[in-house]
C-alpha atoms as a PDB file:
ATOM      1  CA  MET A   1     -16.510   4.445  12.454  1.00  0.00           C
ATOM      2  CA  ALA A   2     -14.813   3.899  15.792  1.00  0.00           C
ATOM      3  CA  ARG A   3     -12.575   6.674  17.054  1.00  0.00           C
ATOM      4  CA  ARG A   4      -8.998   5.694  17.738  1.00  0.00           C
ATOM      5  CA  THR A   5      -6.961   6.995  20.623  1.00  0.00           C
ATOM      6  CA  LYS A   6      -3.687   8.828  20.137  1.00  0.00           C
ATOM      7  CA  ASP A   7      -1.835   5.925  21.809  1.00  0.00           C
ATOM      8  CA  TRP A   8      -3.427   3.432  19.394  1.00  0.00           C
ATOM      9  CA  ASN A   9      -2.390   5.488  16.350  1.00  0.00           C
ATOM     10  CA  GLU A  10       1.143   5.947  17.688  1.00  0.00           C
ATOM     11  CA  GLY A  11       1.395   2.210  18.342  1.00  0.00           C
ATOM     12  CA  LEU A  12       0.196   1.422  14.825  1.00  0.00           C
ATOM     13  CA  ALA A  13       2.677   3.897  13.323  1.00  0.00           C
ATOM     14  CA  LYS A  14       5.487   2.220  15.275  1.00  0.00           C
ATOM     15  CA  ASP A  15       4.373  -1.254  14.154  1.00  0.00           C
ATOM     16  CA  LEU A  16       4.142  -0.161  10.506  1.00  0.00           C
ATOM     17  CA  LYS A  17       7.881   0.550  10.510  1.00  0.00           C
ATOM     18  CA  ASN A  18       8.371  -3.230  10.630  1.00  0.00           C
ATOM     19  CA  SER A  19       8.306  -4.410   6.988  1.00  0.00           C
ATOM     20  CA  GLN A  20       6.650  -7.762   7.783  1.00  0.00           C
ATOM     21  CA  PHE A  21       3.907  -6.058   9.818  1.00  0.00           C
ATOM     22  CA  ALA A  22       3.460  -3.465   7.059  1.00  0.00           C
ATOM     23  CA  ARG A  23       3.136  -6.263   4.492  1.00  0.00           C
ATOM     24  CA  GLU A  24       0.403  -7.976   6.505  1.00  0.00           C
ATOM     25  CA  PHE A  25      -1.287  -4.604   7.063  1.00  0.00           C
ATOM     26  CA  LEU A  26      -1.396  -3.967   3.305  1.00  0.00           C
ATOM     27  CA  LEU A  27      -2.754  -7.431   2.560  1.00  0.00           C
ATOM     28  CA  ALA A  28      -5.422  -7.094   5.255  1.00  0.00           C
ATOM     29  CA  ALA A  29      -6.391  -3.626   4.024  1.00  0.00           C
ATOM     30  CA  ILE A  30      -7.003  -4.966   0.515  1.00  0.00           C
ATOM     31  CA  ASP A  31      -9.026  -7.881   1.905  1.00  0.00           C
ATOM     32  CA  GLU A  32     -11.162  -5.377   3.824  1.00  0.00           C
ATOM     33  CA  GLY A  33     -11.772  -3.286   0.698  1.00  0.00           C
ATOM     34  CA  ILE A  34      -9.603  -0.345   1.744  1.00  0.00           C
ATOM     35  CA  SER A  35      -8.032   1.613  -1.104  1.00  0.00           C
ATOM     36  CA  LEU A  36      -4.489   0.480  -1.868  1.00  0.00           C
ATOM     37  CA  GLN A  37      -3.362   4.107  -2.135  1.00  0.00           C
ATOM     38  CA  LEU A  38      -4.782   4.924   1.310  1.00  0.00           C
ATOM     39  CA  ALA A  39      -3.167   1.869   2.902  1.00  0.00           C
ATOM     40  CA  LEU A  40       0.172   2.558   1.216  1.00  0.00           C
ATOM     41  CA  GLY A  41      -0.054   6.172   2.303  1.00  0.00           C
ATOM     42  CA  LYS A  42      -0.479   5.165   5.943  1.00  0.00           C
ATOM     43  CA  VAL A  43       2.479   2.766   5.766  1.00  0.00           C
ATOM     44  CA  ILE A  44       4.752   5.165   3.886  1.00  0.00           C
ATOM     45  CA  ARG A  45       3.989   8.063   6.233  1.00  0.00           C
ATOM     46  CA  ALA A  46       4.710   5.814   9.235  1.00  0.00           C
ATOM     47  CA  ILE A  47       8.083   4.868   7.754  1.00  0.00           C
ATOM     48  CA  GLY A  48       8.785   8.447   6.661  1.00  0.00           C
ATOM     49  CA  VAL A  49       8.195   9.831   3.185  1.00  0.00           C
ATOM     50  CA  LYS A  50      11.792  10.946   2.628  1.00  0.00           C
ATOM     51  CA  GLU A  51      13.224   7.687   3.951  1.00  0.00           C
ATOM     52  CA  PHE A  52      10.890   5.549   1.829  1.00  0.00           C
ATOM     53  CA  ALA A  53      11.475   7.683  -1.274  1.00  0.00           C
ATOM     54  CA  ALA A  54      15.231   7.245  -0.873  1.00  0.00           C
ATOM     55  CA  LYS A  55      14.786   3.494  -0.373  1.00  0.00           C
ATOM     56  CA  ILE A  56      12.940   3.073  -3.683  1.00  0.00           C
ATOM     57  CA  GLY A  57      14.850   5.764  -5.602  1.00  0.00           C
ATOM     58  CA  MET A  58      11.926   8.124  -6.136  1.00  0.00           C
ATOM     59  CA  GLU A  59      11.623  11.840  -5.458  1.00  0.00           C
ATOM     60  CA  SER A  60       9.433  12.668  -2.435  1.00  0.00           C
ATOM     61  CA  PRO A  61       6.940  14.824  -4.396  1.00  0.00           C
ATOM     62  CA  ASN A  62       6.436  12.001  -6.908  1.00  0.00           C
ATOM     63  CA  LEU A  63       5.918   9.544  -4.070  1.00  0.00           C
ATOM     64  CA  LEU A  64       3.331  11.793  -2.437  1.00  0.00           C
ATOM     65  CA  ARG A  65       1.550  12.159  -5.770  1.00  0.00           C
ATOM     66  CA  ALA A  66       1.476   8.365  -6.227  1.00  0.00           C
ATOM     67  CA  ILE A  67      -0.224   7.778  -2.868  1.00  0.00           C
ATOM     68  CA  ASN A  68      -2.690  10.642  -3.303  1.00  0.00           C
ATOM     69  CA  PRO A  69      -6.153   9.158  -4.048  1.00  0.00           C
ATOM     70  CA  ARG A  70      -6.821  11.986  -6.530  1.00  0.00           C
ATOM     71  CA  HIS A  71      -4.028  10.697  -8.766  1.00  0.00           C
ATOM     72  CA  ASN A  72      -3.924   7.495 -10.766  1.00  0.00           C
ATOM     73  CA  PRO A  73      -0.447   5.913 -10.589  1.00  0.00           C
ATOM     74  CA  THR A  74       0.618   3.350 -13.172  1.00  0.00           C
ATOM     75  CA  GLN A  75       0.908  -0.316 -12.323  1.00  0.00           C
ATOM     76  CA  ALA A  76       4.692   0.045 -12.555  1.00  0.00           C
ATOM     77  CA  THR A  77       4.629   2.807  -9.927  1.00  0.00           C
ATOM     78  CA  ILE A  78       2.378   0.801  -7.603  1.00  0.00           C
ATOM     79  CA  ASN A  79       4.684  -2.194  -7.967  1.00  0.00           C
ATOM     80  CA  ARG A  80       7.680   0.022  -7.190  1.00  0.00           C
ATOM     81  CA  LEU A  81       5.956   1.079  -3.951  1.00  0.00           C
ATOM     82  CA  LEU A  82       4.974  -2.494  -3.057  1.00  0.00           C
ATOM     83  CA  ASN A  83       8.348  -4.084  -3.860  1.00  0.00           C
ATOM     84  CA  PRO A  84      10.008  -3.335  -0.467  1.00  0.00           C
ATOM     85  CA  PHE A  85       7.219  -5.387   1.154  1.00  0.00           C
ATOM     86  CA  GLY A  86       7.649  -8.337  -1.196  1.00  0.00           C
ATOM     87  CA  LEU A  87       4.353  -7.583  -2.946  1.00  0.00           C
ATOM     88  CA  LYS A  88       3.197  -6.714  -6.449  1.00  0.00           C
ATOM     89  CA  LEU A  89      -0.091  -5.798  -8.057  1.00  0.00           C
ATOM     90  CA  SER A  90      -1.569  -8.603 -10.123  1.00  0.00           C
ATOM     91  CA  LEU A  91      -4.831 -10.237 -11.137  1.00  0.00           C
ATOM     92  CA  ALA A  92      -6.023 -13.615  -9.975  1.00  0.00           C
ATOM     93  CA  PRO A  93      -9.009 -15.578 -11.255  1.00  0.00           C
ATOM     94  CA  ILE A  94     -11.981 -16.030  -8.976  1.00  0.00           C
ATOM     95  CA  ASP A  95     -12.754 -19.724  -8.510  1.00  0.00           C
ATOM     96  CA  LYS A  96     -16.456 -19.422  -9.268  1.00  0.00           C
ATOM     97  CA  PHE A  97     -15.817 -18.031 -12.763  1.00  0.00           C
ATOM     98  CA  LYS A  98     -14.659 -20.400 -15.478  1.00  0.00           C
ATOM     99  CA  ARG A  99     -12.373 -19.054 -18.136  1.00  0.00           C
ATOM    100  CA  SER A 100     -14.115 -18.849 -21.478  1.00  0.00           C
ATOM    101  CA  HIS A 101     -12.551 -18.914 -24.884  1.00  0.00           C
ATOM    102  CA  ALA A 102     -11.818 -15.544 -26.459  1.00  0.00           C
ATOM    103  CA  ALA A 103     -14.098 -14.601 -29.319  1.00  0.00           C
END
């Protein structure tokens, strides 16, 4: 994995404070196979844990637990974290698979 410079990381952290940039970052992370919790963690820490927790009406410790990869947040919690970016967790069919009738 390529090493990033301090300036690069500081620039990314600054950019992630922009909600539209953060939204695109999250979408790109998922497309690249990066864990949603890791990507959300990077965005939330760039914004500020306390500030983001206040924005979504969640206690900071609960927020930190939700973005910790060792914990398994509910879909409702993930959607609560994604809502400020105009996103939600959902399933979409893959074109190559045809829906079959339930047995």
